[in-house]
């Protein structure tokens, strides 16, 4: 299996957030995407000096690169040491346009 790009995580992440209207944490998104996409190979390599794998770093990059918020697809807000993601109408519209 080739490694996943950050852009390939957008739709499954949005679908998961959409299915949880009360919001989901970044950790929940990471766990969901691992369970659904079954990353392997290089994606599962641990980053030197970090607890992240290449794959989980890409999931975290969805926040650091504002990939989901810059298009008004989701709302992100810090809650304690994590963040809470909630779907917006723009995200629902985008998902509907990709079906």
N, C-alpha and C. Protein backbone atom coordinates (compact mmCIF):
# COMPACT_ATOMS: atom_id res chain seq x y z
N UNK A 1 0.84 -1.18 0.00
CA UNK A 1 0.00 0.00 0.00
C UNK A 1 0.88 1.24 0.00
N UNK A 2 0.66 2.14 -0.91
CA UNK A 2 1.43 3.39 -0.90
C UNK A 2 1.06 4.22 0.31
N UNK A 3 1.96 5.10 0.69
CA UNK A 3 1.66 5.93 1.84
C UNK A 3 0.58 6.96 1.51
N UNK A 4 -0.17 7.36 2.52
CA UNK A 4 -1.24 8.33 2.36
C UNK A 4 -0.67 9.75 2.37
N UNK A 5 -1.29 10.61 1.57
CA UNK A 5 -0.96 12.03 1.62
C UNK A 5 -1.95 12.70 2.56
N UNK A 6 -1.61 13.87 3.01
CA UNK A 6 -2.52 14.62 3.88
C UNK A 6 -3.85 14.85 3.19
N UNK A 7 -3.82 15.17 1.91
CA UNK A 7 -5.08 15.44 1.18
C UNK A 7 -5.97 14.20 1.10
N UNK A 8 -5.40 13.02 1.13
CA UNK A 8 -6.20 11.79 1.09
C UNK A 8 -6.90 11.52 2.42
N UNK A 9 -6.54 12.25 3.45
CA UNK A 9 -7.17 12.08 4.75
C UNK A 9 -8.39 12.99 4.93
N UNK A 10 -8.54 13.97 4.05
CA UNK A 10 -9.58 14.99 4.21
C UNK A 10 -10.98 14.37 4.22
N UNK A 11 -11.34 13.62 3.21
CA UNK A 11 -12.71 13.11 3.11
C UNK A 11 -13.03 12.14 4.25
N UNK A 12 -12.17 11.15 4.54
CA UNK A 12 -12.53 10.28 5.66
C UNK A 12 -12.58 11.02 7.00
N UNK A 13 -11.75 12.03 7.18
CA UNK A 13 -11.79 12.83 8.41
C UNK A 13 -13.10 13.61 8.48
N UNK A 14 -13.47 14.26 7.38
CA UNK A 14 -14.72 15.02 7.35
C UNK A 14 -15.93 14.12 7.58
N UNK A 15 -15.92 12.93 6.99
CA UNK A 15 -17.03 12.00 7.19
C UNK A 15 -17.16 11.63 8.66
N UNK A 16 -16.04 11.36 9.32
CA UNK A 16 -16.06 11.00 10.72
C UNK A 16 -16.56 12.17 11.58
N UNK A 17 -16.08 13.36 11.30
CA UNK A 17 -16.52 14.54 12.05
C UNK A 17 -18.02 14.76 11.82
N UNK A 18 -18.47 14.59 10.59
CA UNK A 18 -19.87 14.77 10.25
C UNK A 18 -20.76 13.77 10.98
N UNK A 19 -20.27 12.56 11.17
CA UNK A 19 -21.04 11.51 11.85
C UNK A 19 -21.08 11.71 13.37
N UNK A 20 -20.36 12.70 13.87
CA UNK A 20 -20.29 12.99 15.31
C UNK A 20 -20.56 14.47 15.54
N UNK A 21 -21.83 14.89 15.42
CA UNK A 21 -22.15 16.32 15.46
C UNK A 21 -21.81 17.03 16.77
N UNK A 22 -21.61 16.28 17.86
CA UNK A 22 -21.20 16.92 19.11
C UNK A 22 -19.71 17.23 19.13
N UNK A 23 -19.00 16.76 18.10
CA UNK A 23 -17.58 17.04 17.97
C UNK A 23 -16.72 15.84 18.31
N UNK A 24 -15.51 15.86 17.78
CA UNK A 24 -14.53 14.81 18.03
C UNK A 24 -13.18 15.46 18.29
N UNK A 25 -12.35 14.74 19.03
CA UNK A 25 -11.01 15.24 19.32
C UNK A 25 -10.05 14.79 18.22
N UNK A 26 -8.91 15.41 18.20
CA UNK A 26 -7.86 15.01 17.25
C UNK A 26 -7.47 13.56 17.49
N UNK A 27 -7.39 13.16 18.75
CA UNK A 27 -7.05 11.78 19.07
C UNK A 27 -8.09 10.82 18.51
N UNK A 28 -9.36 11.16 18.62
CA UNK A 28 -10.41 10.30 18.06
C UNK A 28 -10.31 10.22 16.54
N UNK A 29 -9.98 11.33 15.90
CA UNK A 29 -9.80 11.31 14.44
C UNK A 29 -8.63 10.40 14.07
N UNK A 30 -7.51 10.53 14.78
CA UNK A 30 -6.34 9.68 14.50
C UNK A 30 -6.71 8.21 14.64
N UNK A 31 -7.37 7.86 15.75
CA UNK A 31 -7.73 6.46 15.98
C UNK A 31 -8.68 5.95 14.90
N UNK A 32 -9.66 6.77 14.53
CA UNK A 32 -10.61 6.38 13.50
C UNK A 32 -9.91 6.14 12.15
N UNK A 33 -9.07 7.08 11.75
CA UNK A 33 -8.40 6.95 10.46
C UNK A 33 -7.47 5.75 10.43
N UNK A 34 -6.82 5.45 11.52
CA UNK A 34 -5.97 4.25 11.58
C UNK A 34 -6.84 3.00 11.41
N UNK A 35 -7.99 2.95 12.09
CA UNK A 35 -8.88 1.79 12.01
C UNK A 35 -9.52 1.62 10.64
N UNK A 36 -9.79 2.73 9.96
CA UNK A 36 -10.47 2.67 8.66
C UNK A 36 -9.49 2.50 7.50
N UNK A 37 -8.37 3.21 7.55
CA UNK A 37 -7.44 3.22 6.42
C UNK A 37 -6.33 2.18 6.52
N UNK A 38 -6.09 1.65 7.70
CA UNK A 38 -5.06 0.63 7.92
C UNK A 38 -3.71 1.02 7.30
N UNK A 39 -3.14 2.14 7.74
CA UNK A 39 -1.85 2.55 7.16
C UNK A 39 -0.79 1.49 7.44
N UNK A 40 0.16 1.41 6.51
CA UNK A 40 1.23 0.42 6.65
C UNK A 40 2.50 1.01 6.06
N UNK A 41 3.54 0.21 6.07
CA UNK A 41 4.81 0.63 5.48
C UNK A 41 5.35 1.89 6.13
N UNK A 42 5.83 2.80 5.29
CA UNK A 42 6.46 4.04 5.76
C UNK A 42 5.53 4.84 6.66
N UNK A 43 4.22 4.80 6.39
CA UNK A 43 3.28 5.56 7.22
C UNK A 43 3.35 5.15 8.69
N UNK A 44 3.77 3.93 8.96
CA UNK A 44 3.82 3.46 10.35
C UNK A 44 5.19 3.62 10.99
N UNK A 45 6.15 4.19 10.26
CA UNK A 45 7.47 4.46 10.83
C UNK A 45 7.34 5.55 11.89
N UNK A 46 8.02 5.34 13.01
CA UNK A 46 8.04 6.35 14.08
C UNK A 46 8.97 7.48 13.68
N UNK A 47 8.56 8.69 13.98
CA UNK A 47 9.40 9.85 13.72
C UNK A 47 10.45 9.93 14.82
N UNK A 48 11.66 10.24 14.42
CA UNK A 48 12.77 10.29 15.37
C UNK A 48 12.49 11.29 16.49
N UNK A 49 12.60 10.83 17.72
CA UNK A 49 12.42 11.69 18.87
C UNK A 49 10.97 12.08 19.15
N UNK A 50 10.03 11.41 18.52
CA UNK A 50 8.60 11.75 18.67
C UNK A 50 7.80 10.49 18.98
N UNK A 51 6.61 10.67 19.49
CA UNK A 51 5.70 9.55 19.70
C UNK A 51 4.85 9.29 18.47
N UNK A 52 4.89 10.20 17.51
CA UNK A 52 4.09 10.09 16.29
C UNK A 52 4.71 9.15 15.28
N UNK A 53 3.83 8.54 14.48
CA UNK A 53 4.26 7.87 13.26
C UNK A 53 4.12 8.89 12.13
N UNK A 54 4.61 8.54 10.96
CA UNK A 54 4.44 9.44 9.81
C UNK A 54 2.95 9.69 9.55
N UNK A 55 2.15 8.63 9.71
CA UNK A 55 0.71 8.75 9.46
C UNK A 55 0.05 9.68 10.48
N UNK A 56 0.30 9.47 11.77
CA UNK A 56 -0.36 10.31 12.77
C UNK A 56 0.10 11.76 12.68
N UNK A 57 1.32 11.99 12.22
CA UNK A 57 1.77 13.36 12.00
C UNK A 57 0.96 14.01 10.89
N UNK A 58 0.64 13.25 9.84
CA UNK A 58 -0.19 13.80 8.76
C UNK A 58 -1.58 14.16 9.27
N UNK A 59 -2.12 13.33 10.16
CA UNK A 59 -3.43 13.64 10.75
C UNK A 59 -3.32 14.93 11.56
N UNK A 60 -2.29 15.05 12.38
CA UNK A 60 -2.10 16.27 13.16
C UNK A 60 -1.88 17.49 12.25
N UNK A 61 -1.30 17.27 11.09
CA UNK A 61 -1.10 18.36 10.13
C UNK A 61 -2.41 18.93 9.61
N UNK A 62 -3.49 18.14 9.67
CA UNK A 62 -4.79 18.68 9.27
C UNK A 62 -5.11 19.93 10.08
N UNK A 63 -4.66 19.95 11.33
CA UNK A 63 -4.84 21.14 12.17
C UNK A 63 -3.75 22.17 11.90
N UNK A 64 -2.49 21.74 11.96
CA UNK A 64 -1.41 22.73 11.86
C UNK A 64 -1.39 23.43 10.50
N UNK A 65 -1.87 22.77 9.47
CA UNK A 65 -1.95 23.40 8.14
C UNK A 65 -3.32 24.03 7.89
N UNK A 66 -4.21 23.96 8.88
CA UNK A 66 -5.58 24.48 8.76
C UNK A 66 -6.31 23.92 7.55
N UNK A 67 -6.02 22.69 7.20
CA UNK A 67 -6.57 22.06 6.01
C UNK A 67 -8.09 22.02 6.03
N UNK A 68 -8.69 21.74 7.16
CA UNK A 68 -10.15 21.61 7.24
C UNK A 68 -10.84 22.90 7.61
N UNK A 69 -10.15 23.80 8.29
CA UNK A 69 -10.78 25.04 8.73
C UNK A 69 -10.70 26.16 7.70
N UNK A 70 -9.66 26.17 6.88
CA UNK A 70 -9.49 27.29 5.95
C UNK A 70 -10.57 27.32 4.87
N UNK A 71 -11.23 26.19 4.65
CA UNK A 71 -12.32 26.13 3.66
C UNK A 71 -13.68 26.24 4.34
N UNK A 72 -13.66 26.49 5.65
CA UNK A 72 -14.89 26.60 6.43
C UNK A 72 -15.67 25.29 6.48
N UNK A 73 -14.94 24.17 6.41
CA UNK A 73 -15.57 22.85 6.48
C UNK A 73 -15.85 22.44 7.91
N UNK A 74 -14.98 22.83 8.82
CA UNK A 74 -15.14 22.47 10.24
C UNK A 74 -14.81 23.67 11.11
N UNK A 75 -15.26 23.58 12.34
CA UNK A 75 -14.89 24.54 13.37
C UNK A 75 -13.98 23.79 14.34
N UNK A 76 -12.86 24.42 14.69
CA UNK A 76 -11.91 23.81 15.62
C UNK A 76 -11.76 24.72 16.83
N UNK A 77 -11.81 24.11 18.00
CA UNK A 77 -11.59 24.91 19.21
C UNK A 77 -10.82 24.06 20.20
N UNK A 78 -9.91 24.72 20.90
CA UNK A 78 -9.10 24.04 21.92
C UNK A 78 -9.97 23.70 23.12
N UNK A 79 -9.82 22.49 23.60
CA UNK A 79 -10.50 22.04 24.82
C UNK A 79 -9.45 21.31 25.63
N UNK A 80 -8.96 21.94 26.67
CA UNK A 80 -7.90 21.34 27.47
C UNK A 80 -6.65 21.16 26.63
N UNK A 81 -6.09 19.97 26.70
CA UNK A 81 -4.88 19.67 25.95
C UNK A 81 -5.14 19.15 24.55
N UNK A 82 -6.38 19.16 24.12
CA UNK A 82 -6.73 18.64 22.81
C UNK A 82 -7.61 19.65 22.10
N UNK A 83 -8.07 19.31 20.94
CA UNK A 83 -8.95 20.18 20.20
C UNK A 83 -10.24 19.46 19.89
N UNK A 84 -11.31 20.21 19.70
CA UNK A 84 -12.60 19.65 19.36
C UNK A 84 -12.98 20.14 17.97
N UNK A 85 -13.28 19.20 17.09
CA UNK A 85 -13.65 19.47 15.71
C UNK A 85 -15.15 19.26 15.55
N UNK A 86 -15.84 20.23 14.94
CA UNK A 86 -17.26 20.10 14.65
C UNK A 86 -17.49 20.47 13.19
N UNK A 87 -18.37 19.72 12.55
CA UNK A 87 -18.67 19.94 11.13
C UNK A 87 -19.45 21.25 10.97
N UNK A 88 -19.23 21.92 9.87
CA UNK A 88 -19.97 23.12 9.51
C UNK A 88 -20.75 22.83 8.24
N UNK A 89 -21.64 23.71 7.89
CA UNK A 89 -22.45 23.49 6.68
C UNK A 89 -21.56 23.40 5.44
N UNK A 90 -20.46 24.13 5.43
CA UNK A 90 -19.54 24.04 4.30
C UNK A 90 -18.93 22.66 4.15
N UNK A 91 -18.67 22.00 5.27
CA UNK A 91 -18.13 20.64 5.24
C UNK A 91 -19.15 19.64 4.75
N UNK A 92 -20.39 19.82 5.18
CA UNK A 92 -21.47 18.94 4.70
C UNK A 92 -21.66 19.13 3.20
N UNK A 93 -21.66 20.38 2.75
CA UNK A 93 -21.78 20.66 1.33
C UNK A 93 -20.65 20.06 0.52
N UNK A 94 -19.42 20.17 1.04
CA UNK A 94 -18.28 19.59 0.34
C UNK A 94 -18.41 18.08 0.26
N UNK A 95 -18.78 17.44 1.36
CA UNK A 95 -18.96 15.98 1.32
C UNK A 95 -20.03 15.58 0.32
N UNK A 96 -21.13 16.31 0.29
CA UNK A 96 -22.20 16.00 -0.68
C UNK A 96 -21.72 16.17 -2.11
N UNK A 97 -20.84 17.11 -2.35
CA UNK A 97 -20.35 17.34 -3.72
C UNK A 97 -19.36 16.28 -4.17
N UNK A 98 -18.83 15.50 -3.24
CA UNK A 98 -17.84 14.48 -3.61
C UNK A 98 -18.47 13.10 -3.80
N UNK A 99 -19.76 13.01 -3.56
CA UNK A 99 -20.45 11.70 -3.69
C UNK A 99 -20.90 11.44 -5.08
